[in-house]
C-alpha atoms as a PDB file:
ATOM      1  CA  MET A   1     -14.357  17.153  -8.061  1.00  0.00           C
ATOM      2  CA  LYS A   2     -13.220  20.591  -6.832  1.00  0.00           C
ATOM      3  CA  VAL A   3     -10.055  22.406  -8.045  1.00  0.00           C
ATOM      4  CA  THR A   4      -8.578  25.121  -5.816  1.00  0.00           C
ATOM      5  CA  THR A   5      -5.435  27.168  -6.528  1.00  0.00           C
ATOM      6  CA  VAL A   6      -3.529  28.779  -3.683  1.00  0.00           C
ATOM      7  CA  ALA A   7       0.045  30.065  -3.213  1.00  0.00           C
ATOM      8  CA  THR A   8       1.398  27.777  -0.549  1.00  0.00           C
ATOM      9  CA  PHE A   9       3.450  24.579  -0.616  1.00  0.00           C
ATOM     10  CA  THR A  10       4.873  22.167   1.890  1.00  0.00           C
ATOM     11  CA  ILE A  11       7.911  20.020   1.166  1.00  0.00           C
ATOM     12  CA  ILE A  12       8.316  16.686   2.984  1.00  0.00           C
ATOM     13  CA  THR A  13      11.888  15.628   3.254  1.00  0.00           C
ATOM     14  CA  PHE A  14      12.858  12.037   3.793  1.00  0.00           C
ATOM     15  CA  CYS A  15      16.113  11.593   5.634  1.00  0.00           C
ATOM     16  CA  PHE A  16      17.860   8.240   5.519  1.00  0.00           C
ATOM     17  CA  LEU A  17      20.478   7.521   8.171  1.00  0.00           C
ATOM     18  CA  LEU A  18      23.147   4.959   7.555  1.00  0.00           C
ATOM     19  CA  LEU A  19      24.466   3.627  10.822  1.00  0.00           C
ATOM     20  CA  SER A  20      28.194   2.859  10.380  1.00  0.00           C
ATOM     21  CA  GLY A  21      27.600   1.387   6.920  1.00  0.00           C
ATOM     22  CA  CYS A  22      27.882  -2.185   8.249  1.00  0.00           C
ATOM     23  CA  LYS A  23      24.286  -3.300   7.554  1.00  0.00           C
ATOM     24  CA  THR A  24      22.725  -4.557   4.337  1.00  0.00           C
ATOM     25  CA  THR A  25      18.996  -4.594   3.611  1.00  0.00           C
ATOM     26  CA  VAL A  26      17.523  -7.874   2.328  1.00  0.00           C
ATOM     27  CA  SER A  27      13.904  -8.740   1.543  1.00  0.00           C
ATOM     28  CA  TYR A  28      11.432 -11.442   0.663  1.00  0.00           C
ATOM     29  CA  THR A  29       7.888 -11.539  -0.763  1.00  0.00           C
ATOM     30  CA  GLY A  30       5.291 -12.937   1.618  1.00  0.00           C
ATOM     31  CA  LEU A  31       1.506 -13.200   1.835  1.00  0.00           C
ATOM     32  CA  ARG A  32       0.055 -10.571   4.157  1.00  0.00           C
ATOM     33  CA  PRO A  33      -3.365 -11.165   5.713  1.00  0.00           C
ATOM     34  CA  ALA A  34      -6.274  -8.809   5.038  1.00  0.00           C
ATOM     35  CA  ASP A  35      -7.126  -6.132   7.590  1.00  0.00           C
ATOM     36  CA  VAL A  36     -10.660  -7.550   7.876  1.00  0.00           C
ATOM     37  CA  THR A  37     -11.605 -11.222   7.656  1.00  0.00           C
ATOM     38  CA  LEU A  38     -14.571 -11.917   5.377  1.00  0.00           C
ATOM     39  CA  PRO A  39     -16.811 -14.964   5.904  1.00  0.00           C
ATOM     40  CA  SER A  40     -15.223 -18.195   4.751  1.00  0.00           C
ATOM     41  CA  ASN A  41     -17.989 -18.826   2.232  1.00  0.00           C
ATOM     42  CA  VAL A  42     -16.891 -15.832   0.154  1.00  0.00           C
ATOM     43  CA  LYS A  43     -14.561 -17.061  -2.543  1.00  0.00           C
ATOM     44  CA  SER A  44     -15.835 -15.300  -5.591  1.00  0.00           C
ATOM     45  CA  VAL A  45     -16.872 -11.672  -5.813  1.00  0.00           C
ATOM     46  CA  LEU A  46     -18.614  -9.282  -8.231  1.00  0.00           C
ATOM     47  CA  LEU A  47     -17.396  -5.672  -8.528  1.00  0.00           C
ATOM     48  CA  LEU A  48     -20.318  -3.227  -8.949  1.00  0.00           C
ATOM     49  CA  ASN A  49     -20.290   0.449  -9.878  1.00  0.00           C
ATOM     50  CA  ARG A  50     -23.074   2.179  -7.864  1.00  0.00           C
ATOM     51  CA  TYR A  51     -21.829   5.711  -8.397  1.00  0.00           C
ATOM     52  CA  LYS A  52     -24.421   6.704 -11.041  1.00  0.00           C
ATOM     53  CA  PRO A  53     -26.549   9.559  -9.628  1.00  0.00           C
ATOM     54  CA  THR A  54     -30.286   9.796  -9.982  1.00  0.00           C
ATOM     55  CA  LYS A  55     -31.549  12.221 -12.596  1.00  0.00           C
ATOM     56  CA  GLN A  56     -32.244  14.808  -9.877  1.00  0.00           C
ATOM     57  CA  ASN A  57     -28.767  14.412  -8.308  1.00  0.00           C
ATOM     58  CA  LYS A  58     -27.125  14.473 -11.726  1.00  0.00           C
ATOM     59  CA  TRP A  59     -28.342  18.002 -12.513  1.00  0.00           C
ATOM     60  CA  LEU A  60     -27.534  19.122  -9.013  1.00  0.00           C
ATOM     61  CA  ASN A  61     -23.948  17.815  -9.472  1.00  0.00           C
ATOM     62  CA  ILE A  62     -23.622  19.669 -12.746  1.00  0.00           C
ATOM     63  CA  VAL A  63     -24.839  22.970 -11.292  1.00  0.00           C
ATOM     64  CA  GLU A  64     -22.571  22.535  -8.264  1.00  0.00           C
ATOM     65  CA  GLY A  65     -19.640  21.860 -10.587  1.00  0.00           C
ATOM     66  CA  ILE A  66     -20.223  25.096 -12.498  1.00  0.00           C
ATOM     67  CA  PHE A  67     -20.053  27.150  -9.315  1.00  0.00           C
ATOM     68  CA  THR A  68     -17.266  25.257  -7.494  1.00  0.00           C
ATOM     69  CA  GLY A  69     -14.860  24.776 -10.456  1.00  0.00           C
ATOM     70  CA  GLU A  70     -15.358  21.070 -10.701  1.00  0.00           C
ATOM     71  CA  ILE A  71     -14.376  19.358 -13.982  1.00  0.00           C
ATOM     72  CA  LEU A  72     -17.496  17.571 -15.207  1.00  0.00           C
ATOM     73  CA  PHE A  73     -17.326  13.795 -15.419  1.00  0.00           C
ATOM     74  CA  ALA A  74     -13.778  13.594 -13.960  1.00  0.00           C
ATOM     75  CA  ASP A  75     -15.144  11.699 -10.952  1.00  0.00           C
ATOM     76  CA  LYS A  76     -16.818   9.166 -13.264  1.00  0.00           C
ATOM     77  CA  ARG A  77     -13.469   8.363 -14.782  1.00  0.00           C
ATOM     78  CA  GLY A  78     -11.993   8.229 -11.329  1.00  0.00           C
ATOM     79  CA  VAL A  79     -14.569   5.680 -10.235  1.00  0.00           C
ATOM     80  CA  ASP A  80     -13.634   3.453 -13.184  1.00  0.00           C
ATOM     81  CA  GLN A  81      -9.992   3.522 -12.237  1.00  0.00           C
ATOM     82  CA  THR A  82     -10.723   2.885  -8.593  1.00  0.00           C
ATOM     83  CA  LEU A  83     -12.605  -0.284  -9.440  1.00  0.00           C
ATOM     84  CA  ALA A  84      -9.752  -1.212 -11.823  1.00  0.00           C
ATOM     85  CA  GLY A  85      -7.259  -0.829  -8.943  1.00  0.00           C
ATOM     86  CA  LEU A  86      -9.392  -3.061  -6.724  1.00  0.00           C
ATOM     87  CA  GLN A  87      -9.792  -5.609  -9.463  1.00  0.00           C
ATOM     88  CA  SER A  88      -6.018  -5.770 -10.092  1.00  0.00           C
ATOM     89  CA  ARG A  89      -5.248  -6.230  -6.408  1.00  0.00           C
ATOM     90  CA  LEU A  90      -7.847  -8.981  -5.868  1.00  0.00           C
ATOM     91  CA  GLN A  91      -6.751 -10.890  -8.998  1.00  0.00           C
ATOM     92  CA  SER A  92      -3.080 -10.778  -7.961  1.00  0.00           C
ATOM     93  CA  GLY A  93      -3.847 -12.582  -4.706  1.00  0.00           C
ATOM     94  CA  PRO A  94      -4.745 -16.249  -4.076  1.00  0.00           C
ATOM     95  CA  LYS A  95      -8.042 -15.799  -2.261  1.00  0.00           C
ATOM     96  CA  PHE A  96     -10.772 -14.525  -4.603  1.00  0.00           C
ATOM     97  CA  THR A  97     -11.954 -14.933  -8.180  1.00  0.00           C
ATOM     98  CA  VAL A  98     -13.312 -11.667  -9.586  1.00  0.00           C
ATOM     99  CA  SER A  99     -16.149 -10.772 -12.001  1.00  0.00           C
ATOM    100  CA  ILE A 100     -17.247  -7.321 -13.227  1.00  0.00           C
ATOM    101  CA  ALA A 101     -20.882  -6.296 -13.358  1.00  0.00           C
ATOM    102  CA  ASN A 102     -22.092  -5.055 -16.762  1.00  0.00           C
ATOM    103  CA  GLU A 103     -24.830  -2.898 -15.279  1.00  0.00           C
ATOM    104  CA  ILE A 104     -24.369   0.273 -13.190  1.00  0.00           C
ATOM    105  CA  PHE A 105     -26.680   0.829 -10.235  1.00  0.00           C
ATOM    106  CA  GLU A 106     -27.883   4.286  -9.115  1.00  0.00           C
ATOM    107  CA  GLY A 107     -26.457   5.871  -6.045  1.00  0.00           C
ATOM    108  CA  THR A 108     -25.956   9.472  -4.901  1.00  0.00           C
ATOM    109  CA  GLY A 109     -23.188  10.407  -7.290  1.00  0.00           C
ATOM    110  CA  THR A 110     -21.466  12.047  -4.389  1.00  0.00           C
ATOM    111  CA  GLY A 111     -19.250  11.127  -1.437  1.00  0.00           C
ATOM    112  CA  MET A 112     -22.314  10.206   0.665  1.00  0.00           C
ATOM    113  CA  PHE A 113     -23.585   6.612   0.972  1.00  0.00           C
ATOM    114  CA  PRO A 114     -26.937   5.726  -0.524  1.00  0.00           C
ATOM    115  CA  PRO A 115     -29.230   3.273   1.299  1.00  0.00           C
ATOM    116  CA  PRO A 116     -27.998  -0.361   1.049  1.00  0.00           C
ATOM    117  CA  LEU A 117     -29.039  -2.403  -1.963  1.00  0.00           C
ATOM    118  CA  GLN A 118     -32.127  -4.486  -1.739  1.00  0.00           C
ATOM    119  CA  LEU A 119     -31.706  -8.173  -0.832  1.00  0.00           C
ATOM    120  CA  ALA A 120     -33.509  -9.157  -4.043  1.00  0.00           C
ATOM    121  CA  ASP A 121     -30.909  -7.244  -6.082  1.00  0.00           C
ATOM    122  CA  ILE A 122     -28.006  -8.922  -4.305  1.00  0.00           C
ATOM    123  CA  ASP A 123     -29.576 -12.342  -4.784  1.00  0.00           C
ATOM    124  CA  ARG A 124     -30.164 -11.707  -8.484  1.00  0.00           C
ATOM    125  CA  LEU A 125     -26.626 -10.381  -9.052  1.00  0.00           C
ATOM    126  CA  CYS A 126     -25.037 -13.385  -7.265  1.00  0.00           C
ATOM    127  CA  LYS A 127     -27.067 -15.856  -9.247  1.00  0.00           C
ATOM    128  CA  THR A 128     -26.477 -14.107 -12.549  1.00  0.00           C
ATOM    129  CA  TYR A 129     -22.739 -13.895 -12.149  1.00  0.00           C
ATOM    130  CA  ASN A 130     -22.340 -17.040 -10.047  1.00  0.00           C
ATOM    131  CA  VAL A 131     -20.519 -15.297  -7.204  1.00  0.00           C
ATOM    132  CA  ASP A 132     -20.597 -15.421  -3.427  1.00  0.00           C
ATOM    133  CA  ALA A 133     -20.588 -11.665  -2.679  1.00  0.00           C
ATOM    134  CA  VAL A 134     -20.967  -8.223  -4.229  1.00  0.00           C
ATOM    135  CA  ILE A 135     -18.440  -5.428  -3.663  1.00  0.00           C
ATOM    136  CA  ALA A 136     -20.061  -2.149  -4.546  1.00  0.00           C
ATOM    137  CA  LEU A 137     -18.364   1.231  -4.915  1.00  0.00           C
ATOM    138  CA  GLU A 138     -21.228   3.391  -3.585  1.00  0.00           C
ATOM    139  CA  ALA A 139     -19.742   6.803  -2.937  1.00  0.00           C
ATOM    140  CA  PHE A 140     -17.039   8.888  -4.570  1.00  0.00           C
ATOM    141  CA  ASP A 141     -15.924  12.530  -4.439  1.00  0.00           C
ATOM    142  CA  SER A 142     -12.667  14.344  -5.231  1.00  0.00           C
ATOM    143  CA  ASP A 143     -10.952  17.601  -4.547  1.00  0.00           C
ATOM    144  CA  ILE A 144      -7.773  19.081  -6.045  1.00  0.00           C
ATOM    145  CA  LYS A 145      -5.742  21.828  -4.592  1.00  0.00           C
ATOM    146  CA  ILE A 146      -2.976  23.395  -6.747  1.00  0.00           C
ATOM    147  CA  THR A 147      -0.288  25.351  -5.038  1.00  0.00           C
ATOM    148  CA  THR A 148       2.873  27.159  -6.196  1.00  0.00           C
ATOM    149  CA  GLU A 149       5.860  28.568  -4.320  1.00  0.00           C
ATOM    150  CA  PRO A 150       9.083  30.246  -5.372  1.00  0.00           C
ATOM    151  CA  ARG A 151      12.133  28.139  -4.381  1.00  0.00           C
ATOM    152  CA  GLN A 152      15.927  28.418  -4.497  1.00  0.00           C
ATOM    153  CA  ARG A 153      18.717  25.907  -4.819  1.00  0.00           C
ATOM    154  CA  LYS A 154      22.485  26.138  -4.968  1.00  0.00           C
ATOM    155  CA  ARG A 155      24.734  24.519  -7.510  1.00  0.00           C
ATOM    156  CA  THR A 156      28.465  24.817  -8.361  1.00  0.00           C
ATOM    157  CA  GLU A 157      29.594  25.771 -11.891  1.00  0.00           C
ATOM    158  CA  ASN A 158      33.262  26.301 -12.765  1.00  0.00           C
ATOM    159  CA  GLY A 159      34.092  26.536  -9.124  1.00  0.00           C
ATOM    160  CA  LYS A 160      31.500  29.220  -8.411  1.00  0.00           C
ATOM    161  CA  GLU A 161      28.356  28.835  -6.369  1.00  0.00           C
ATOM    162  CA  ILE A 162      25.243  29.780  -8.299  1.00  0.00           C
ATOM    163  CA  ILE A 163      21.833  30.406  -6.786  1.00  0.00           C
ATOM    164  CA  GLU A 164      19.068  29.133  -9.077  1.00  0.00           C
ATOM    165  CA  ASN A 165      15.537  30.492  -8.719  1.00  0.00           C
ATOM    166  CA  TYR A 166      12.599  28.364  -9.817  1.00  0.00           C
ATOM    167  CA  PHE A 167       8.904  27.608  -8.937  1.00  0.00           C
ATOM    168  CA  LEU A 168       7.545  24.429  -7.571  1.00  0.00           C
ATOM    169  CA  ALA A 169       3.892  23.534  -8.362  1.00  0.00           C
ATOM    170  CA  SER A 170       2.023  20.911  -6.362  1.00  0.00           C
ATOM    171  CA  GLU A 171      -1.242  19.142  -7.240  1.00  0.00           C
ATOM    172  CA  ASN A 172      -2.811  17.706  -4.018  1.00  0.00           C
ATOM    173  CA  VAL A 173      -5.510  15.225  -4.895  1.00  0.00           C
ATOM    174  CA  ARG A 174      -7.859  13.906  -2.189  1.00  0.00           C
ATOM    175  CA  ILE A 175     -10.627  11.464  -2.971  1.00  0.00           C
ATOM    176  CA  ASN A 176     -13.390  10.060  -0.738  1.00  0.00           C
ATOM    177  CA  VAL A 177     -14.559   6.538  -1.537  1.00  0.00           C
ATOM    178  CA  GLY A 178     -17.329   4.555   0.078  1.00  0.00           C
ATOM    179  CA  TRP A 179     -17.521   0.725  -0.201  1.00  0.00           C
ATOM    180  CA  ARG A 180     -19.994  -1.977   0.807  1.00  0.00           C
ATOM    181  CA  ILE A 181     -19.664  -5.697   0.574  1.00  0.00           C
ATOM    182  CA  TYR A 182     -22.888  -7.734   0.452  1.00  0.00           C
ATOM    183  CA  ASN A 183     -22.881 -11.483   1.318  1.00  0.00           C
ATOM    184  CA  GLY A 184     -24.719 -13.435  -1.243  1.00  0.00           C
ATOM    185  CA  ALA A 185     -25.849 -15.808   1.542  1.00  0.00           C
ATOM    186  CA  GLY A 186     -28.620 -13.577   2.793  1.00  0.00           C
ATOM    187  CA  GLY A 187     -27.604 -10.214   1.390  1.00  0.00           C
ATOM    188  CA  ALA A 188     -26.221  -8.775   4.635  1.00  0.00           C
ATOM    189  CA  VAL A 189     -23.606  -6.002   4.534  1.00  0.00           C
ATOM    190  CA  ILE A 190     -20.409  -7.627   5.817  1.00  0.00           C
ATOM    191  CA  ASP A 191     -18.162  -4.578   5.322  1.00  0.00           C
ATOM    192  CA  GLN A 192     -18.939  -0.918   5.009  1.00  0.00           C
ATOM    193  CA  HIS A 193     -15.926   1.293   4.731  1.00  0.00           C
ATOM    194  CA  GLN A 194     -15.327   4.940   3.914  1.00  0.00           C
ATOM    195  CA  MET A 195     -11.782   5.830   2.990  1.00  0.00           C
ATOM    196  CA  TYR A 196      -9.787   8.890   1.975  1.00  0.00           C
ATOM    197  CA  SER A 197      -6.823   8.677  -0.406  1.00  0.00           C
ATOM    198  CA  THR A 198      -4.348  11.441  -1.127  1.00  0.00           C
ATOM    199  CA  GLU A 199      -1.640  11.792  -3.814  1.00  0.00           C
ATOM    200  CA  ILE A 200       0.639  14.750  -4.435  1.00  0.00           C
ATOM    201  CA  PHE A 201       2.032  15.483  -7.889  1.00  0.00           C
ATOM    202  CA  THR A 202       4.799  18.105  -8.352  1.00  0.00           C
ATOM    203  CA  ARG A 203       6.471  19.915 -11.234  1.00  0.00           C
ATOM    204  CA  GLU A 204       9.150  22.613 -11.495  1.00  0.00           C
ATOM    205  CA  GLY A 205       9.379  25.562 -13.864  1.00  0.00           C
ATOM    206  CA  GLN A 206      11.169  28.925 -14.328  1.00  0.00           C
ATOM    207  CA  THR A 207       7.826  30.647 -13.736  1.00  0.00           C
ATOM    208  CA  ALA A 208       4.741  29.727 -11.729  1.00  0.00           C
ATOM    209  CA  GLU A 209       2.723  29.324 -14.925  1.00  0.00           C
ATOM    210  CA  ILE A 210       5.247  26.966 -16.513  1.00  0.00           C
ATOM    211  CA  ALA A 211       5.367  24.840 -13.353  1.00  0.00           C
ATOM    212  CA  ARG A 212       1.577  24.580 -13.209  1.00  0.00           C
ATOM    213  CA  ARG A 213       1.321  23.692 -16.865  1.00  0.00           C
ATOM    214  CA  GLY A 214       3.608  20.695 -16.254  1.00  0.00           C
ATOM    215  CA  LEU A 215       1.213  19.160 -13.770  1.00  0.00           C
ATOM    216  CA  LEU A 216      -1.152  16.349 -14.649  1.00  0.00           C
ATOM    217  CA  PHE A 217      -4.553  17.250 -16.120  1.00  0.00           C
ATOM    218  CA  PRO A 218      -6.916  17.096 -13.109  1.00  0.00           C
ATOM    219  CA  ALA A 219      -8.885  14.147 -14.477  1.00  0.00           C
ATOM    220  CA  ASP A 220      -5.675  12.160 -14.972  1.00  0.00           C
ATOM    221  CA  ALA A 221      -4.554  12.975 -11.437  1.00  0.00           C
ATOM    222  CA  ILE A 222      -7.900  11.815 -10.081  1.00  0.00           C
ATOM    223  CA  MET A 223      -7.669   8.549 -12.054  1.00  0.00           C
ATOM    224  CA  ARG A 224      -4.169   7.832 -10.663  1.00  0.00           C
ATOM    225  CA  THR A 225      -5.344   8.547  -7.136  1.00  0.00           C
ATOM    226  CA  GLY A 226      -8.383   6.364  -7.655  1.00  0.00           C
ATOM    227  CA  LEU A 227      -6.246   3.512  -8.932  1.00  0.00           C
ATOM    228  CA  ASN A 228      -4.221   3.565  -5.701  1.00  0.00           C
ATOM    229  CA  ALA A 229      -7.363   3.852  -3.581  1.00  0.00           C
ATOM    230  CA  GLY A 230      -8.829   0.725  -5.180  1.00  0.00           C
ATOM    231  CA  ASP A 231      -5.529  -1.080  -4.540  1.00  0.00           C
ATOM    232  CA  SER A 232      -5.579   0.018  -0.879  1.00  0.00           C
ATOM    233  CA  TYR A 233      -9.092  -1.318  -0.348  1.00  0.00           C
ATOM    234  CA  GLY A 234      -8.011  -4.593  -1.920  1.00  0.00           C
ATOM    235  CA  VAL A 235      -5.327  -4.885   0.744  1.00  0.00           C
ATOM    236  CA  ARG A 236      -7.984  -4.296   3.419  1.00  0.00           C
ATOM    237  CA  ILE A 237     -10.174  -7.179   2.326  1.00  0.00           C
ATOM    238  CA  ALA A 238      -7.936  -9.756   0.719  1.00  0.00           C
ATOM    239  CA  PRO A 239      -4.606 -11.488   1.515  1.00  0.00           C
ATOM    240  CA  SER A 240      -1.944  -9.813  -0.635  1.00  0.00           C
ATOM    241  CA  TRP A 241       1.630 -10.343  -1.696  1.00  0.00           C
ATOM    242  CA  VAL A 242       3.880  -7.740  -0.119  1.00  0.00           C
ATOM    243  CA  ARG A 243       7.601  -7.209   0.418  1.00  0.00           C
ATOM    244  CA  TYR A 244       9.145  -7.655   3.910  1.00  0.00           C
ATOM    245  CA  THR A 245      12.533  -6.015   4.458  1.00  0.00           C
ATOM    246  CA  ARG A 246      15.157  -7.044   7.031  1.00  0.00           C
ATOM    247  CA  GLU A 247      18.739  -6.063   7.850  1.00  0.00           C
ATOM    248  CA  ILE A 248      21.807  -8.205   8.277  1.00  0.00           C
ATOM    249  CA  TYR A 249      25.331  -7.339   9.413  1.00  0.00           C
ATOM    250  CA  GLY A 250      27.742  -7.301   6.518  1.00  0.00           C
ATOM    251  CA  ARG A 251      30.936  -7.444   8.481  1.00  0.00           C
ATOM    252  CA  ALA A 252      32.444  -7.931  11.923  1.00  0.00           C
ATOM    253  CA  ALA A 253      36.175  -7.094  11.814  1.00  0.00           C
ATOM    254  CA  PRO A 254      38.527  -8.841  11.664  1.00  0.00           C
ATOM    255  CA  ASN A 255      36.375 -11.807  10.444  1.00  0.00           C
ATOM    256  CA  LYS A 256      36.276 -11.785   6.681  1.00  0.00           C
ATOM    257  CA  ASN A 257      33.828 -14.694   6.532  1.00  0.00           C
ATOM    258  CA  MET A 258      31.010 -12.389   7.563  1.00  0.00           C
ATOM    259  CA  LYS A 259      31.414 -10.565   4.252  1.00  0.00           C
ATOM    260  CA  ILE A 260      31.421 -13.837   2.308  1.00  0.00           C
ATOM    261  CA  ALA A 261      28.211 -14.956   4.010  1.00  0.00           C
ATOM    262  CA  LYS A 262      26.631 -11.547   3.326  1.00  0.00           C
ATOM    263  CA  ARG A 263      27.356 -11.913  -0.402  1.00  0.00           C
ATOM    264  CA  MET A 264      25.770 -15.442  -0.345  1.00  0.00           C
ATOM    265  CA  ALA A 265      22.673 -14.024   1.307  1.00  0.00           C
ATOM    266  CA  VAL A 266      22.354 -11.136  -1.115  1.00  0.00           C
ATOM    267  CA  ARG A 267      22.312 -13.549  -4.045  1.00  0.00           C
ATOM    268  CA  GLY A 268      19.774 -15.774  -2.280  1.00  0.00           C
ATOM    269  CA  ASP A 269      22.015 -18.626  -1.029  1.00  0.00           C
ATOM    270  CA  TRP A 270      20.552 -18.442   2.493  1.00  0.00           C
ATOM    271  CA  GLN A 271      21.286 -22.032   3.533  1.00  0.00           C
ATOM    272  CA  GLN A 272      25.004 -21.606   2.776  1.00  0.00           C
ATOM    273  CA  ALA A 273      25.094 -18.249   4.526  1.00  0.00           C
ATOM    274  CA  ALA A 274      23.291 -19.709   7.536  1.00  0.00           C
ATOM    275  CA  GLU A 275      25.895 -22.427   7.920  1.00  0.00           C
ATOM    276  CA  ILE A 276      28.746 -19.844   8.054  1.00  0.00           C
ATOM    277  CA  TRP A 277      26.845 -17.649  10.576  1.00  0.00           C
ATOM    278  CA  GLN A 278      26.011 -20.669  12.736  1.00  0.00           C
ATOM    279  CA  LYS A 279      29.737 -21.659  12.769  1.00  0.00           C
ATOM    280  CA  PHE A 280      30.788 -18.159  13.993  1.00  0.00           C
ATOM    281  CA  SER A 281      27.995 -17.798  16.559  1.00  0.00           C
ATOM    282  CA  ASN A 282      30.474 -19.365  19.077  1.00  0.00           C
ATOM    283  CA  HIS A 283      33.328 -17.020  18.110  1.00  0.00           C
ATOM    284  CA  PRO A 284      35.456 -15.830  21.072  1.00  0.00           C
ATOM    285  CA  ARG A 285      35.056 -12.232  19.862  1.00  0.00           C
ATOM    286  CA  GLN A 286      31.707 -10.937  21.173  1.00  0.00           C
ATOM    287  CA  LYS A 287      31.187  -8.655  18.146  1.00  0.00           C
ATOM    288  CA  VAL A 288      31.470 -11.534  15.745  1.00  0.00           C
ATOM    289  CA  ALA A 289      29.371 -13.903  17.771  1.00  0.00           C
ATOM    290  CA  LYS A 290      26.365 -11.623  18.371  1.00  0.00           C
ATOM    291  CA  ARG A 291      26.245 -10.432  14.783  1.00  0.00           C
ATOM    292  CA  ALA A 292      26.523 -14.014  13.534  1.00  0.00           C
ATOM    293  CA  MET A 293      23.661 -15.027  15.832  1.00  0.00           C
ATOM    294  CA  TYR A 294      21.491 -12.140  14.593  1.00  0.00           C
ATOM    295  CA  ASN A 295      22.165 -12.953  10.895  1.00  0.00           C
ATOM    296  CA  ARG A 296      21.455 -16.587  11.621  1.00  0.00           C
ATOM    297  CA  ALA A 297      18.023 -15.585  12.856  1.00  0.00           C
ATOM    298  CA  VAL A 298      17.325 -13.605   9.643  1.00  0.00           C
ATOM    299  CA  ALA A 299      18.469 -16.568   7.533  1.00  0.00           C
ATOM    300  CA  ALA A 300      16.019 -18.820   9.365  1.00  0.00           C
ATOM    301  CA  GLU A 301      13.134 -16.483   8.600  1.00  0.00           C
ATOM    302  CA  MET A 302      14.169 -16.250   4.969  1.00  0.00           C
ATOM    303  CA  LEU A 303      14.045 -20.043   4.837  1.00  0.00           C
ATOM    304  CA  GLY A 304      10.555 -20.031   6.428  1.00  0.00           C
ATOM    305  CA  LYS A 305      11.722 -21.340   9.815  1.00  0.00           C
ATOM    306  CA  TYR A 306      10.166 -18.817  12.186  1.00  0.00           C
ATOM    307  CA  ASP A 307      10.623 -20.713  15.433  1.00  0.00           C
ATOM    308  CA  GLU A 308      14.255 -21.175  14.677  1.00  0.00           C
ATOM    309  CA  ALA A 309      14.575 -17.488  13.837  1.00  0.00           C
ATOM    310  CA  LEU A 310      13.075 -16.558  17.196  1.00  0.00           C
ATOM    311  CA  GLU A 311      15.488 -18.946  18.953  1.00  0.00           C
ATOM    312  CA  TRP A 312      18.561 -17.330  17.362  1.00  0.00           C
ATOM    313  CA  ALA A 313      17.306 -13.757  17.923  1.00  0.00           C
ATOM    314  CA  ARG A 314      16.729 -14.489  21.571  1.00  0.00           C
ATOM    315  CA  LYS A 315      20.215 -15.880  21.875  1.00  0.00           C
ATOM    316  CA  ALA A 316      21.611 -12.674  20.471  1.00  0.00           C
ATOM    317  CA  ALA A 317      19.444 -10.505  22.724  1.00  0.00           C
ATOM    318  CA  ASP A 318      19.864 -12.532  25.970  1.00  0.00           C
ATOM    319  CA  THR A 319      23.488 -13.508  25.651  1.00  0.00           C
ATOM    320  CA  TYR A 320      24.900 -10.255  24.324  1.00  0.00           C
ATOM    321  CA  GLY A 321      22.149  -7.671  24.851  1.00  0.00           C
ATOM    322  CA  LEU A 322      22.047  -6.881  21.150  1.00  0.00           C
ATOM    323  CA  ARG A 323      19.327  -4.172  20.872  1.00  0.00           C
ATOM    324  CA  ASN A 324      18.720  -4.902  17.184  1.00  0.00           C
ATOM    325  CA  ALA A 325      17.879  -8.428  18.165  1.00  0.00           C
ATOM    326  CA  ASN A 326      15.230  -7.233  20.614  1.00  0.00           C
ATOM    327  CA  ARG A 327      13.644  -5.154  17.891  1.00  0.00           C
ATOM    328  CA  TYR A 328      13.804  -8.121  15.482  1.00  0.00           C
ATOM    329  CA  ILE A 329      11.998 -10.312  18.031  1.00  0.00           C
ATOM    330  CA  PHE A 330       9.069  -7.926  17.975  1.00  0.00           C
ATOM    331  CA  MET A 331       9.076  -8.067  14.114  1.00  0.00           C
ATOM    332  CA  LEU A 332       9.113 -11.853  14.131  1.00  0.00           C
ATOM    333  CA  ASN A 333       6.244 -12.078  16.618  1.00  0.00           C
ATOM    334  CA  ALA A 334       4.262  -9.645  14.470  1.00  0.00           C
ATOM    335  CA  ARG A 335       4.896 -11.791  11.404  1.00  0.00           C
ATOM    336  CA  LEU A 336       3.869 -14.933  13.298  1.00  0.00           C
ATOM    337  CA  SER A 337       0.657 -13.240  14.268  1.00  0.00           C
ATOM    338  CA  GLU A 338       0.011 -12.362  10.679  1.00  0.00           C
ATOM    339  CA  LEU A 339       0.597 -15.975   9.623  1.00  0.00           C
ATOM    340  CA  GLN A 340      -1.965 -17.211  12.144  1.00  0.00           C
ATOM    341  CA  ARG A 341      -4.563 -14.731  10.806  1.00  0.00           C
ATOM    342  CA  LEU A 342      -3.594 -15.749   7.239  1.00  0.00           C
ATOM    343  CA  ASP A 343      -4.216 -19.438   7.924  1.00  0.00           C
ATOM    344  CA  HIS A 344      -7.719 -18.563   9.142  1.00  0.00           C
ATOM    345  CA  GLN A 345      -8.469 -16.313   6.150  1.00  0.00           C
ATOM    346  CA  MET A 346      -7.257 -18.909   3.648  1.00  0.00           C
ATOM    347  CA  GLU A 347      -9.472 -21.652   4.997  1.00  0.00           C
ATOM    348  CA  THR A 348     -11.621 -23.086   2.234  1.00  0.00           C
ATOM    349  CA  THR A 349     -14.400 -24.607   4.383  1.00  0.00           C
ATOM    350  CA  PRO A 350     -17.231 -22.548   5.935  1.00  0.00           C
END
């Protein structure tokens, strides 16, 4: 783990645009398929720490840390949290049961992959822990860059504009993690993935020193970044519960029932809201009709009726040329594609 201090800082500003204030964001929790599909025989997994360096590599790492400013043993703690993040993600989903290996296998102790584990080791581990596959964390390395920059902001006090000077310190953490998954049925590597995870932590202070002192201790920053990295790898290999957001129209003047239906939807009464929107989908005013059709489509998705949602979205797009409906059709088709992949991944028979 390398720590570097420089005097530059970049601010990322997120701008949120509200279009006419007539839309409301709604959401639901759904199961998202994994990015990669593991063999159907894999239902239970063993998490294995293979970061431990050989004796030769261990001393090389210590010497390197002395000359590069690394904090000794910070990466070891980061590895533990990375595995904890993966464990938490896998256990929160419906696909896998998870076990933790008591032993730690030797690897490189760096961000470089060691040779794959021997088939005999995989077979022994799977039999010992009664699992179908082994997920090994086999490479890990971290770097931290600390930056500071003087900043200014304006505020009003007693009717006067005051310029306030302060310093902003940033702790940019980047970790490199290497994973392998071994199939217990033969020991073959069924996924090898190297990933990079970055987190930025910031603090303010009247001086650069005060701002830097407010930052996380580097080992803690690495652990937090590792926790998120493990969670991200879990999303790659396992179906996970995530939040899907959609928008509905909250009004269509002069029709007050659109507001009533919106309130029903926000509190979760989607069936009642759908009935109101369906009634007004034939309204003589085009603005009311197209927004009612669009909202009716969203209600259908919220009720798990995807074909019906597509039907209503297409009506709004084809009949009235509603651009939001066209965009929503793409979102629905993407979700349907996810559900097809999810059905395949959740199959319980080889």
